[in-house]
Amino acid sequence: MPIETHPAPGAPLLQVRDMAVDFETIDGTVHAVEGVDLDIAAGETVAIVGESGSGKSTTAMAIIGLLAGNGRVSKGSILLDGEDLVGASEATMRTVRGAKIGLVPQDPMSNLNPTSKIGTQVAETLLAHGLATKKDVDAKVVETLAAAGLPNAADRAKQYPHEFSGGMRQRALIAIGLACNPRLLIADEPTSALDVTVQKTILDQLGRMTTELGTSVLLITHDLGLAAERAERVVVMHRGKIVEQGPARQILEHPQHPYTQSLVKAAPSVAVARLRPEAFETTDAPHQVSDTAASGTSASTDNIVEVEDLSKLYNVRGQKEPFAAVKDVSFAIPRGKTVAIVGESGSGKTTTARMMLKVVEPTTGVIRFDGVDVASLKGRELREFRQKVQPIFQDPYSSLNPMFTIERIIAEPLEFYKRGSAKERAARVRKLLDDVALPESTLRRYPSELSGGQRQRVAIARALALSPELIVCDEPVSALDVLVQDQILTLLRDLQNEYGLSYLFISHDLAVVRLISDYVCVMKDGQLVEAASSEEIFTNPRDPYTRNLLASIPGNELDIAV
């Protein structure tokens, strides 16, 4: 076991001074991080926030010595327990990683070996640092997984990553990161891909474990509300530099730098915390699906979509009874409005959206679009329906053909449905690009040359190409930073006002839903547990499940002054 050293009395556990990180590329040297000064005291949690490309993950990887092969710390020092890690040999860094600095990376699926059992991967860490012998390693693995909150740890240790849910995989990574009781834990976006309830559970568990162990935490996140709720201090990074740092509440309530101010303004979780009433924390009303437009019982007769008793059953091998992905769901979408369906993974919201798009056929129930049963559509009528209902997907990169230019991507639906002449189609593409606030020069570029936000704007332009009446948005901003999220949500609202669009908005992020929706349907285990106006859902939720979702919004526990 490595010999532990300790900093001088009163000195921080981690001291980063004037650190710069460079990457050598074919286009020359890229200065990714410059002049970073950062302190973390023993037992303290510090959060670094900023959008993609701000340098926050690069800073974290420099501290733990895991920069890409073309990257290096070109200047400054990184003192851990008084020992400078800059220039340390790989052999030295191997003794530091795990034993002194633990890591919980962002994507659990790509950071766990898919061919190796979970227990084996935990055992590797314990054995490598001399914390277990081959004789007692199995018992230590079970103890480590149980400490991370995994139920039935002995059985779970024998399973592979693909047999775990996203939350369980993240717990396994936490177990590995804390297996050696490190002095410092780097948690790099540890819950960004998880539902709000799972996210809260994971962060609560991480907080309990690090408090018990006295571990310091460096939390990397793009969510300012989450950072302020979970950290004592917040460090704001922008374009490779620290632009502001200080106590979390001070940063949140009195941001000084214009970039920090823009982050606070754009963060959905912060916006919801400001709007939050106290009602949902104490309301104990019985479950009820409200009589609103969303539930299908609106007084308005101008509904573009009406869904009645919709169900989707799947036969599962080895089970006698079919699995009900969606069960007896009814709601309506008023013309020109946004109805959101929210719920955790597996709640049935995406299956409902796919049935709306007629990609998946319902087992029972009816979907009426403009008063016509969608199931009855064939031939020309079905082609017209496909043009009137368009999707926007979660990952803009995987939904755009990487071999096509942006011009061809947007023009493709116009060409497929033979809309106008070549000249008219070209003009339409340019108008669409203008509608989504992209420069004309974008037309000659490819998806790989665009940022995530730009790609999502292209996806929106493509969805608008055929002048649809309804757009089904399936997690359209979940993969984006808060600033880009804010831009895309504003764009969707502006386009709705300009063209009278109706939206079905699928999301697990209630903070985003609060900002975009007129009506909300809450789904759990394939069923609709509550439906009402957005205002009612967020101010007077009736179902315990809905209240639990709202209570799990990052930053929800903050008492933010208006």
Protein backbone atom coordinates (compact mmCIF):
# COMPACT_ATOMS: atom_id res chain seq x y z
CA MET A 1 0.00 0.00 0.00
CA PRO A 2 1.40 3.46 -0.91
CA ILE A 3 2.85 5.55 1.90
CA GLU A 4 0.53 8.47 2.62
CA THR A 5 1.85 11.98 2.91
CA HIS A 6 -0.06 14.98 4.23
CA PRO A 7 0.05 18.68 3.48
CA ALA A 8 1.37 21.21 5.93
CA PRO A 9 -1.11 22.22 8.66
CA GLY A 10 -3.76 24.47 7.20
CA ALA A 11 -2.73 23.81 3.59
CA PRO A 12 -5.35 22.59 1.10
CA LEU A 13 -5.35 18.92 0.13
CA LEU A 14 -5.11 19.93 -3.53
CA GLN A 15 -3.35 23.06 -4.78
CA VAL A 16 -3.32 23.86 -8.49
CA ARG A 17 -1.27 26.89 -9.43
CA ASP A 18 -1.12 28.69 -12.80
CA MET A 19 -1.77 25.44 -14.64
CA ALA A 20 -1.87 25.37 -18.43
CA VAL A 21 -2.74 22.39 -20.66
CA ASP A 22 -1.79 22.19 -24.34
CA PHE A 23 -2.74 19.72 -27.05
CA GLU A 24 -0.63 19.16 -30.15
CA THR A 25 -2.79 18.81 -33.28
CA ILE A 26 -2.16 18.78 -37.03
CA ASP A 27 -3.21 22.43 -37.02
CA GLY A 28 -0.70 23.36 -34.32
CA THR A 29 -0.81 23.77 -30.54
CA VAL A 30 -4.20 24.23 -28.89
CA HIS A 31 -4.13 26.03 -25.53
CA ALA A 32 -7.04 24.21 -23.86
CA VAL A 33 -6.53 25.47 -20.30
CA GLU A 34 -4.63 28.54 -19.13
CA GLY A 35 -3.72 29.97 -15.73
CA VAL A 36 -5.91 27.73 -13.55
CA ASP A 37 -5.63 28.30 -9.78
CA LEU A 38 -7.68 25.89 -7.68
CA ASP A 39 -7.70 24.78 -4.02
CA ILE A 40 -9.65 21.94 -2.44
CA ALA A 41 -9.56 21.46 1.33
CA ALA A 42 -9.77 18.09 3.05
CA GLY A 43 -13.40 16.92 3.09
CA GLU A 44 -14.55 19.79 0.85
CA THR A 45 -16.70 19.48 -2.27
CA VAL A 46 -15.82 21.89 -5.07
CA ALA A 47 -17.76 22.00 -8.35
CA ILE A 48 -16.40 23.17 -11.70
CA VAL A 49 -19.15 24.34 -14.04
CA GLY A 50 -19.11 25.47 -17.66
CA GLU A 51 -20.30 24.42 -21.09
CA SER A 52 -18.63 21.85 -23.34
CA GLY A 53 -15.19 23.04 -24.35
CA SER A 54 -14.79 25.28 -21.30
CA GLY A 55 -11.87 23.19 -20.00
CA LYS A 56 -13.50 21.69 -16.91
CA SER A 57 -12.96 18.01 -17.82
CA THR A 58 -9.48 18.77 -19.18
CA THR A 59 -8.60 20.34 -15.82
CA ALA A 60 -9.84 17.24 -13.99
CA MET A 61 -7.99 14.83 -16.28
CA ALA A 62 -4.78 16.85 -15.88
CA ILE A 63 -5.04 16.49 -12.10
CA ILE A 64 -5.37 12.71 -12.27
CA GLY A 65 -2.84 12.38 -15.11
CA LEU A 66 -5.21 10.98 -17.72
CA LEU A 67 -4.87 13.52 -20.53
CA ALA A 68 -5.02 12.22 -24.10
CA GLY A 69 -1.69 11.21 -25.64
CA ASN A 70 -1.30 14.54 -27.42
CA GLY A 71 -1.97 16.57 -24.27
CA ARG A 72 0.40 17.80 -21.57
CA VAL A 73 0.54 20.16 -18.62
CA SER A 74 2.75 22.84 -20.14
CA LYS A 75 2.99 25.12 -17.13
CA GLY A 76 2.21 25.36 -13.43
CA SER A 77 1.97 22.88 -10.58
CA ILE A 78 -0.52 20.35 -9.17
CA LEU A 79 0.20 19.68 -5.50
CA LEU A 80 -1.58 16.78 -3.80
CA ASP A 81 -0.70 16.39 -0.14
CA GLY A 82 2.25 18.68 -0.89
CA GLU A 83 3.59 16.45 -3.69
CA ASP A 84 3.80 17.93 -7.21
CA LEU A 85 2.20 15.59 -9.75
CA VAL A 86 3.32 17.57 -12.81
CA GLY A 87 6.07 15.61 -14.51
CA ALA A 88 5.55 12.55 -12.31
CA SER A 89 6.32 9.22 -13.97
CA GLU A 90 3.54 6.91 -15.07
CA ALA A 91 4.63 4.43 -12.40
CA THR A 92 4.15 7.12 -9.75
CA MET A 93 0.77 8.15 -11.16
CA ARG A 94 -0.41 4.54 -11.03
CA THR A 95 0.13 4.59 -7.27
CA VAL A 96 -1.73 7.91 -7.04
CA ARG A 97 -4.77 6.87 -9.09
CA GLY A 98 -7.22 4.93 -7.03
CA ALA A 99 -5.29 5.12 -3.76
CA LYS A 100 -5.09 8.93 -3.51
CA ILE A 101 -7.31 10.19 -6.34
CA GLY A 102 -10.42 8.26 -7.35
CA LEU A 103 -12.44 8.82 -10.51
CA VAL A 104 -16.12 8.43 -11.35
CA PRO A 105 -16.33 9.05 -15.11
CA GLN A 106 -19.32 10.31 -17.07
CA ASP A 107 -20.49 7.40 -19.23
CA PRO A 108 -20.72 4.17 -17.23
CA MET A 109 -21.34 1.96 -20.27
CA SER A 110 -18.16 3.00 -22.08
CA ASN A 111 -16.10 3.02 -18.88
CA LEU A 112 -17.00 -0.49 -17.75
CA ASN A 113 -15.58 -3.50 -19.59
CA PRO A 114 -18.60 -5.13 -21.30
CA THR A 115 -16.86 -8.53 -21.39
CA SER A 116 -15.99 -8.61 -17.69
CA LYS A 117 -18.30 -9.17 -14.71
CA ILE A 118 -18.86 -6.22 -12.39
CA GLY A 119 -17.30 -8.05 -9.45
CA THR A 120 -14.18 -8.83 -11.47
CA GLN A 121 -13.72 -5.15 -12.32
CA VAL A 122 -14.03 -4.10 -8.68
CA ALA A 123 -11.64 -6.89 -7.68
CA GLU A 124 -9.01 -5.65 -10.12
CA THR A 125 -8.89 -2.31 -8.31
CA LEU A 126 -8.73 -3.86 -4.85
CA LEU A 127 -5.98 -6.32 -5.81
CA ALA A 128 -3.93 -3.74 -7.72
CA HIS A 129 -3.68 -1.54 -4.62
CA GLY A 130 -3.15 -4.34 -2.14
CA LEU A 131 -6.48 -3.83 -0.39
CA ALA A 132 -7.48 -7.47 -0.76
CA THR A 133 -5.92 -10.86 -1.28
CA LYS A 134 -7.11 -13.52 -3.70
CA LYS A 135 -8.52 -15.34 -0.69
CA ASP A 136 -10.72 -12.55 0.63
CA VAL A 137 -11.28 -10.44 -2.52
CA ASP A 138 -14.77 -11.82 -3.21
CA ALA A 139 -16.01 -10.77 0.21
CA LYS A 140 -14.34 -7.33 -0.20
CA VAL A 141 -16.04 -6.89 -3.60
CA VAL A 142 -19.48 -7.58 -2.10
CA GLU A 143 -18.73 -5.18 0.76
CA THR A 144 -17.60 -2.47 -1.68
CA LEU A 145 -20.65 -2.82 -3.96
CA ALA A 146 -23.02 -2.84 -0.98
CA ALA A 147 -21.41 0.35 0.34
CA ALA A 148 -22.20 2.00 -3.01
CA GLY A 149 -25.88 1.16 -2.51
CA LEU A 150 -26.23 -1.82 -4.84
CA PRO A 151 -28.90 -4.22 -3.53
CA ASN A 152 -28.14 -7.96 -3.56
CA ALA A 153 -24.47 -7.13 -4.02
CA ALA A 154 -23.33 -10.78 -4.04
CA ASP A 155 -25.60 -11.56 -6.99
CA ARG A 156 -24.88 -8.29 -8.77
CA ALA A 157 -21.14 -8.97 -8.65
CA LYS A 158 -21.70 -11.96 -10.94
CA GLN A 159 -23.49 -9.92 -13.61
CA TYR A 160 -22.19 -8.02 -16.65
CA PRO A 161 -22.62 -4.26 -17.25
CA HIS A 162 -25.35 -4.78 -19.88
CA GLU A 163 -27.45 -6.50 -17.20
CA PHE A 164 -27.39 -3.33 -15.07
CA SER A 165 -29.58 -0.25 -15.42
CA GLY A 166 -27.88 3.12 -15.96
CA GLY A 167 -28.17 3.96 -12.26
CA MET A 168 -26.75 0.59 -11.21
CA ARG A 169 -23.79 0.99 -13.59
CA GLN A 170 -23.10 4.41 -12.10
CA ARG A 171 -23.15 2.89 -8.60
CA ALA A 172 -20.62 0.31 -9.78
CA LEU A 173 -18.33 3.11 -10.99
CA ILE A 174 -18.73 4.89 -7.65
CA ALA A 175 -17.78 1.63 -5.91
CA ILE A 176 -14.63 1.38 -8.04
CA GLY A 177 -13.78 5.06 -7.59
CA LEU A 178 -14.05 4.88 -3.79
CA ALA A 179 -12.76 1.31 -3.33
CA CYS A 180 -9.35 2.48 -2.12
CA ASN A 181 -10.66 5.25 0.16
CA PRO A 182 -8.95 8.02 -1.87
CA ARG A 183 -8.25 11.45 -0.38
CA LEU A 184 -9.82 13.10 -3.46
CA LEU A 185 -12.62 11.89 -5.74
CA ILE A 186 -13.12 13.41 -9.20
CA ALA A 187 -16.74 12.96 -10.32
CA ASP A 188 -16.97 13.98 -13.99
CA GLU A 189 -20.64 14.55 -14.90
CA PRO A 190 -21.50 11.43 -12.85
CA THR A 191 -25.26 11.63 -13.36
CA SER A 192 -25.80 13.58 -16.59
CA ALA A 193 -27.38 10.63 -18.44
CA LEU A 194 -29.70 9.59 -15.59
CA ASP A 195 -33.30 10.37 -14.70
CA VAL A 196 -33.81 13.01 -12.01
CA THR A 197 -34.92 10.54 -9.34
CA VAL A 198 -32.00 8.18 -10.04
CA GLN A 199 -29.68 11.18 -10.23
CA LYS A 200 -30.75 12.35 -6.77
CA THR A 201 -30.36 8.84 -5.32
CA ILE A 202 -26.86 8.50 -6.78
CA LEU A 203 -25.72 11.92 -5.60
CA ASP A 204 -27.17 11.33 -2.12
CA GLN A 205 -25.29 8.04 -1.93
CA LEU A 206 -22.08 9.65 -3.18
CA GLY A 207 -22.47 12.42 -0.61
CA ARG A 208 -22.98 9.97 2.24
CA MET A 209 -19.97 7.85 1.26
CA THR A 210 -17.56 10.74 0.82
CA THR A 211 -18.69 12.32 4.09
CA GLU A 212 -18.15 9.06 5.98
CA LEU A 213 -14.72 8.59 4.41
CA GLY A 214 -13.73 12.25 4.73
CA THR A 215 -13.05 12.34 0.98
CA SER A 216 -12.75 15.63 -0.89
CA VAL A 217 -14.78 15.84 -4.11
CA LEU A 218 -14.13 17.67 -7.36
CA LEU A 219 -17.51 17.65 -9.12
CA ILE A 220 -17.57 18.43 -12.85
CA THR A 221 -20.97 19.49 -14.16
CA HIS A 222 -22.71 21.81 -16.60
CA ASP A 223 -25.71 22.19 -14.24
CA LEU A 224 -25.23 25.23 -12.03
CA GLY A 225 -28.23 24.36 -9.85
CA LEU A 226 -26.82 20.90 -9.15
CA ALA A 227 -23.39 22.38 -8.43
CA ALA A 228 -24.75 24.93 -5.98
CA GLU A 229 -26.82 22.28 -4.20
CA ARG A 230 -24.01 19.73 -3.85
CA ALA A 231 -20.85 21.82 -3.43
CA GLU A 232 -19.53 24.30 -0.87
CA ARG A 233 -17.68 26.24 -3.56
CA VAL A 234 -18.24 26.69 -7.29
CA VAL A 235 -15.58 27.38 -9.93
CA VAL A 236 -16.82 28.73 -13.26
CA MET A 237 -14.74 28.01 -16.37
CA HIS A 238 -15.08 29.60 -19.80
CA ARG A 239 -12.80 29.07 -22.81
CA GLY A 240 -10.11 27.37 -20.74
CA LYS A 241 -9.94 29.95 -17.96
CA ILE A 242 -11.51 30.36 -14.53
CA VAL A 243 -13.67 33.46 -14.77
CA GLU A 244 -15.20 33.32 -11.29
CA GLN A 245 -15.12 31.22 -8.13
CA GLY A 246 -16.49 31.47 -4.63
CA PRO A 247 -19.08 30.10 -2.19
CA ALA A 248 -21.83 28.27 -4.06
CA ARG A 249 -24.73 30.41 -2.86
CA GLN A 250 -22.81 33.61 -3.53
CA ILE A 251 -22.07 32.55 -7.11
CA LEU A 252 -25.71 31.56 -7.67
CA GLU A 253 -27.35 34.63 -6.16
CA HIS A 254 -24.76 37.28 -7.01
CA PRO A 255 -22.82 36.23 -10.12
CA GLN A 256 -20.26 38.84 -11.12
CA HIS A 257 -18.88 37.73 -14.48
CA PRO A 258 -21.15 38.09 -17.56
CA TYR A 259 -20.59 34.43 -18.46
CA THR A 260 -21.64 33.26 -14.98
CA GLN A 261 -24.68 35.51 -15.21
CA SER A 262 -25.63 33.88 -18.51
CA LEU A 263 -25.24 30.40 -16.95
CA VAL A 264 -27.49 31.33 -14.03
CA LYS A 265 -30.07 32.82 -16.35
CA ALA A 266 -30.09 29.82 -18.68
CA ALA A 267 -30.03 26.96 -16.16
CA PRO A 268 -33.48 25.28 -16.16
CA SER A 269 -33.04 23.90 -12.64
CA VAL A 270 -32.28 27.38 -11.30
CA ALA A 271 -35.26 28.85 -13.13
CA VAL A 272 -37.57 26.22 -11.64
CA ALA A 273 -36.14 26.73 -8.16
CA ARG A 274 -36.97 30.42 -8.46
CA LEU A 275 -40.54 29.60 -9.50
CA ARG A 276 -40.98 26.79 -7.01
CA PRO A 277 -43.90 27.10 -4.61
CA GLU A 278 -43.84 25.27 -1.32
CA ALA A 279 -47.09 23.47 -2.16
CA PHE A 280 -45.65 20.30 -3.65
CA GLU A 281 -43.44 19.68 -0.65
CA THR A 282 -46.42 19.36 1.69
CA THR A 283 -49.41 18.51 -0.51
CA ASP A 284 -50.80 15.08 0.31
CA ALA A 285 -53.83 15.01 -1.99
CA PRO A 286 -54.95 11.67 -3.45
CA HIS A 287 -53.99 10.56 -6.95
CA GLN A 288 -56.12 12.12 -9.65
CA VAL A 289 -55.79 12.64 -13.39
CA SER A 290 -56.94 16.23 -13.82
CA ASP A 291 -59.60 17.26 -16.33
CA THR A 292 -57.41 19.29 -18.64
CA ALA A 293 -56.57 19.47 -22.28
CA ALA A 294 -53.69 17.13 -21.69
CA SER A 295 -55.93 14.44 -20.23
CA GLY A 296 -58.19 14.52 -23.26
CA THR A 297 -61.18 16.08 -21.57
CA SER A 298 -60.62 19.69 -22.48
CA ALA A 299 -63.53 21.97 -23.16
CA SER A 300 -61.66 22.99 -26.31
CA THR A 301 -62.70 21.07 -29.43
CA ASP A 302 -59.69 22.22 -31.46
CA ASN A 303 -57.37 19.32 -30.63
CA ILE A 304 -54.87 18.36 -33.30
CA VAL A 305 -54.35 14.98 -31.58
CA GLU A 306 -56.67 12.88 -29.44
CA VAL A 307 -55.42 9.67 -27.86
CA GLU A 308 -57.86 7.23 -26.27
CA ASP A 309 -57.05 4.09 -24.24
CA LEU A 310 -53.71 3.58 -25.98
CA SER A 311 -51.82 0.38 -25.10
CA LYS A 312 -48.75 -1.39 -26.41
CA LEU A 313 -47.98 -4.97 -25.34
CA TYR A 314 -44.84 -6.94 -26.10
CA ASN A 315 -44.42 -10.68 -25.82
CA VAL A 316 -41.40 -11.54 -23.70
CA ARG A 317 -39.62 -14.84 -24.08
CA GLY A 318 -40.00 -16.95 -20.96
CA GLN A 319 -42.98 -14.99 -19.65
CA LYS A 320 -46.60 -16.06 -20.01
CA GLU A 321 -48.03 -12.58 -19.71
CA PRO A 322 -47.07 -9.90 -22.25
CA PHE A 323 -45.21 -6.82 -21.05
CA ALA A 324 -47.34 -3.64 -21.10
CA ALA A 325 -45.01 -0.84 -22.24
CA VAL A 326 -48.02 1.51 -22.45
CA LYS A 327 -51.38 0.80 -20.83
CA ASP A 328 -54.71 2.63 -21.33
CA VAL A 329 -53.22 6.08 -21.91
CA SER A 330 -55.53 8.94 -22.95
CA PHE A 331 -54.66 12.58 -23.63
CA ALA A 332 -55.09 15.34 -26.21
CA ILE A 333 -52.85 17.96 -27.79
CA PRO A 334 -54.57 21.31 -28.40
CA ARG A 335 -53.62 22.94 -31.67
CA GLY A 336 -50.69 25.32 -31.34
CA LYS A 337 -49.80 24.13 -27.82
CA THR A 338 -47.07 22.01 -26.23
CA VAL A 339 -47.94 18.86 -24.33
CA ALA A 340 -45.07 17.23 -22.48
CA ILE A 341 -44.87 13.60 -21.42
CA VAL A 342 -42.53 13.11 -18.49
CA GLY A 343 -41.37 10.10 -16.54
CA GLU A 344 -38.35 7.97 -15.76
CA SER A 345 -36.72 5.59 -18.21
CA GLY A 346 -39.10 2.71 -18.86
CA SER A 347 -42.20 4.78 -18.10
CA GLY A 348 -43.51 4.37 -21.66
CA LYS A 349 -43.10 7.93 -22.87
CA THR A 350 -40.88 7.17 -25.88
CA THR A 351 -43.08 4.20 -26.90
CA THR A 352 -46.05 6.59 -26.85
CA ALA A 353 -44.13 9.01 -29.07
CA ARG A 354 -43.26 6.25 -31.54
CA MET A 355 -46.91 5.24 -31.78
CA MET A 356 -47.75 8.89 -32.43
CA LEU A 357 -45.28 8.84 -35.33
CA LYS A 358 -46.78 5.54 -36.56
CA VAL A 359 -43.38 3.90 -36.24
CA VAL A 360 -44.85 1.46 -33.70
CA GLU A 361 -48.39 0.14 -34.06
CA PRO A 362 -50.63 0.21 -30.93
CA THR A 363 -51.94 -3.05 -29.55
CA THR A 364 -55.22 -1.38 -28.62
CA GLY A 365 -56.59 2.15 -28.53
CA VAL A 366 -57.01 5.00 -30.95
CA ILE A 367 -54.84 7.92 -32.09
CA ARG A 368 -56.76 10.59 -34.01
CA PHE A 369 -54.86 13.22 -35.97
CA ASP A 370 -57.05 16.05 -37.26
CA GLY A 371 -60.03 13.85 -36.36
CA VAL A 372 -58.87 10.86 -38.45
CA ASP A 373 -57.87 7.48 -36.98
CA VAL A 374 -54.16 7.14 -37.73
CA ALA A 375 -54.44 3.34 -37.91
CA SER A 376 -56.72 3.64 -40.94
CA LEU A 377 -54.28 5.72 -43.01
CA LYS A 378 -52.88 4.13 -46.14
CA GLY A 379 -51.39 5.20 -49.47
CA ARG A 380 -51.72 8.90 -50.22
CA GLU A 381 -53.32 9.70 -46.86
CA LEU A 382 -50.45 8.05 -45.02
CA ARG A 383 -47.92 10.04 -47.08
CA GLU A 384 -49.75 13.23 -46.14
CA PHE A 385 -49.69 12.24 -42.46
CA ARG A 386 -45.94 11.61 -42.63
CA GLN A 387 -45.47 15.14 -43.93
CA LYS A 388 -47.69 16.73 -41.28
CA VAL A 389 -46.03 14.96 -38.32
CA GLN A 390 -42.26 15.24 -38.01
CA PRO A 391 -39.76 14.11 -35.34
CA ILE A 392 -36.79 15.73 -33.61
CA PHE A 393 -34.62 13.15 -31.87
CA GLN A 394 -32.42 13.23 -28.79
CA ASP A 395 -29.01 12.81 -30.43
CA PRO A 396 -28.71 15.14 -33.41
CA TYR A 397 -25.46 13.54 -34.55
CA SER A 398 -26.84 10.01 -34.93
CA SER A 399 -30.00 11.29 -36.65
CA LEU A 400 -28.09 13.22 -39.34
CA ASN A 401 -26.39 11.40 -42.22
CA PRO A 402 -22.65 12.04 -41.70
CA MET A 403 -22.02 11.62 -45.47
CA PHE A 404 -24.44 14.42 -46.46
CA THR A 405 -23.81 18.13 -46.45
CA ILE A 406 -26.19 20.21 -44.33
CA GLU A 407 -27.83 21.46 -47.53
CA ARG A 408 -28.59 17.93 -48.67
CA ILE A 409 -29.82 16.90 -45.21
CA ILE A 410 -32.40 19.70 -45.08
CA ALA A 411 -33.37 19.28 -48.75
CA GLU A 412 -33.84 15.50 -48.53
CA PRO A 413 -37.50 15.51 -47.33
CA LEU A 414 -38.36 18.14 -49.97
CA GLU A 415 -36.83 15.98 -52.69
CA PHE A 416 -38.44 12.77 -51.39
CA TYR A 417 -41.91 14.30 -51.45
CA LYS A 418 -41.18 16.20 -54.69
CA ARG A 419 -41.88 19.63 -53.23
CA GLY A 420 -41.24 22.39 -55.80
CA SER A 421 -38.53 22.77 -58.39
CA ALA A 422 -34.80 22.49 -57.67
CA LYS A 423 -34.59 26.28 -57.48
CA GLU A 424 -37.57 26.50 -55.13
CA ARG A 425 -36.15 23.77 -52.91
CA ALA A 426 -32.82 25.59 -52.70
CA ALA A 427 -34.60 28.78 -51.65
CA ARG A 428 -36.65 26.87 -49.10
CA VAL A 429 -33.50 25.35 -47.57
CA ARG A 430 -31.95 28.80 -47.19
CA LYS A 431 -35.12 30.13 -45.58
CA LEU A 432 -35.15 27.22 -43.13
CA LEU A 433 -31.52 27.83 -42.25
CA ASP A 434 -32.39 31.45 -41.53
CA ASP A 435 -35.38 30.34 -39.41
CA VAL A 436 -33.07 28.35 -37.11
CA ALA A 437 -30.47 31.16 -36.99
CA LEU A 438 -27.64 29.41 -38.85
CA PRO A 439 -25.45 31.24 -41.39
CA GLU A 440 -25.70 30.29 -45.06
CA SER A 441 -22.11 29.07 -44.97
CA THR A 442 -23.38 26.12 -42.90
CA LEU A 443 -24.91 24.59 -46.05
CA ARG A 444 -21.56 23.36 -47.37
CA ARG A 445 -20.47 21.80 -44.08
CA TYR A 446 -20.98 18.28 -42.69
CA PRO A 447 -22.51 17.29 -39.31
CA SER A 448 -19.09 16.46 -37.87
CA GLU A 449 -18.04 20.06 -38.43
CA LEU A 450 -20.85 21.48 -36.29
CA SER A 451 -21.36 21.78 -32.53
CA GLY A 452 -24.12 19.85 -30.77
CA GLY A 453 -26.37 22.90 -30.68
CA GLN A 454 -25.79 23.62 -34.37
CA ARG A 455 -26.59 20.01 -35.26
CA GLN A 456 -29.83 20.21 -33.31
CA ARG A 457 -30.74 23.39 -35.20
CA VAL A 458 -30.18 21.48 -38.45
CA ALA A 459 -32.46 18.70 -37.18
CA ILE A 460 -35.13 21.30 -36.41
CA ALA A 461 -34.75 22.85 -39.88
CA ARG A 462 -35.17 19.42 -41.46
CA ALA A 463 -38.28 18.78 -39.36
CA LEU A 464 -39.74 22.11 -40.53
CA ALA A 465 -38.98 21.51 -44.21
CA LEU A 466 -42.39 20.03 -45.06
CA SER A 467 -44.34 22.63 -43.03
CA PRO A 468 -45.65 20.12 -40.46
CA GLU A 469 -48.50 20.75 -38.05
CA LEU A 470 -47.14 18.57 -35.23
CA ILE A 471 -43.53 17.98 -34.17
CA VAL A 472 -42.71 15.10 -31.83
CA CYS A 473 -39.65 16.13 -29.80
CA ASP A 474 -38.03 13.13 -28.10
CA GLU A 475 -35.55 14.43 -25.49
CA PRO A 476 -34.39 17.14 -27.95
CA VAL A 477 -32.13 19.03 -25.53
CA SER A 478 -30.98 16.40 -23.02
CA ALA A 479 -27.58 16.01 -24.69
CA LEU A 480 -26.89 19.77 -24.73
CA ASP A 481 -25.29 22.25 -22.32
CA VAL A 482 -27.58 24.60 -20.44
CA LEU A 483 -26.74 27.63 -22.58
CA VAL A 484 -27.43 25.68 -25.77
CA GLN A 485 -30.54 24.16 -24.18
CA ASP A 486 -31.83 27.65 -23.51
CA GLN A 487 -31.17 28.69 -27.12
CA ILE A 488 -32.94 25.63 -28.56
CA LEU A 489 -35.95 25.98 -26.25
CA THR A 490 -36.25 29.65 -27.16
CA LEU A 491 -36.02 28.73 -30.85
CA LEU A 492 -38.77 26.10 -30.49
CA ARG A 493 -41.05 28.63 -28.78
CA ASP A 494 -40.38 31.27 -31.43
CA LEU A 495 -41.08 28.81 -34.25
CA GLN A 496 -44.28 27.70 -32.55
CA ASN A 497 -45.47 31.30 -32.32
CA GLU A 498 -44.51 32.02 -35.94
CA TYR A 499 -45.95 28.90 -37.57
CA GLY A 500 -48.64 27.79 -35.11
CA LEU A 501 -46.85 24.48 -34.47
CA SER A 502 -48.04 21.90 -31.97
CA TYR A 503 -45.46 19.94 -29.97
CA LEU A 504 -45.44 16.60 -28.20
CA PHE A 505 -42.39 17.03 -25.98
CA ILE A 506 -40.87 13.89 -24.44
CA SER A 507 -38.46 14.43 -21.54
CA HIS A 508 -37.27 13.11 -18.20
CA ASP A 509 -36.07 16.61 -17.26
CA LEU A 510 -38.87 18.39 -15.43
CA ALA A 511 -36.90 21.61 -15.23
CA VAL A 512 -36.88 21.81 -19.04
CA VAL A 513 -40.53 20.77 -19.23
CA ARG A 514 -41.50 23.59 -16.86
CA LEU A 515 -40.05 26.11 -19.28
CA ILE A 516 -41.50 24.73 -22.55
CA SER A 517 -44.87 23.08 -21.90
CA ASP A 518 -48.47 24.21 -21.67
CA TYR A 519 -49.71 20.84 -20.42
CA VAL A 520 -47.95 17.91 -18.76
CA CYS A 521 -48.71 14.18 -18.71
CA VAL A 522 -46.83 12.18 -16.08
CA MET A 523 -46.21 8.52 -16.89
CA LYS A 524 -45.07 5.71 -14.61
CA ASP A 525 -44.74 2.04 -15.54
CA GLY A 526 -46.63 2.58 -18.79
CA GLN A 527 -49.58 4.33 -17.23
CA LEU A 528 -50.70 7.95 -17.02
CA VAL A 529 -50.72 8.86 -13.33
CA GLU A 530 -51.45 12.56 -13.66
CA ALA A 531 -52.23 15.10 -16.37
CA ALA A 532 -52.85 18.81 -16.00
CA SER A 533 -51.70 22.23 -17.08
CA SER A 534 -48.01 22.85 -16.54
CA GLU A 535 -48.83 25.42 -13.90
CA GLU A 536 -51.00 22.99 -11.95
CA ILE A 537 -48.50 20.14 -12.14
CA PHE A 538 -45.70 22.32 -10.79
CA THR A 539 -47.71 24.19 -8.15
CA ASN A 540 -50.17 21.54 -6.98
CA PRO A 541 -49.11 18.02 -8.00
CA ARG A 542 -51.57 15.42 -6.80
CA ASP A 543 -49.79 12.12 -7.27
CA PRO A 544 -46.93 11.06 -4.92
CA TYR A 545 -44.87 9.99 -7.95
CA THR A 546 -45.16 13.46 -9.48
CA ARG A 547 -44.16 15.07 -6.20
CA ASN A 548 -41.16 12.77 -6.02
CA LEU A 549 -40.10 13.77 -9.55
CA LEU A 550 -40.38 17.46 -8.67
CA ALA A 551 -38.47 17.01 -5.43
CA SER A 552 -35.65 15.36 -7.39
CA ILE A 553 -34.98 18.31 -9.72
CA PRO A 554 -31.31 19.38 -9.22
CA GLY A 555 -31.17 22.57 -7.21
CA ASN A 556 -34.68 22.00 -5.89
CA GLU A 557 -33.52 22.20 -2.29
CA LEU A 558 -32.02 25.65 -2.84
CA ASP A 559 -34.01 28.52 -1.42
CA ILE A 560 -33.26 31.06 -4.13
CA ALA A 561 -34.39 34.63 -3.75
CA VAL A 562 -36.31 36.01 -6.73
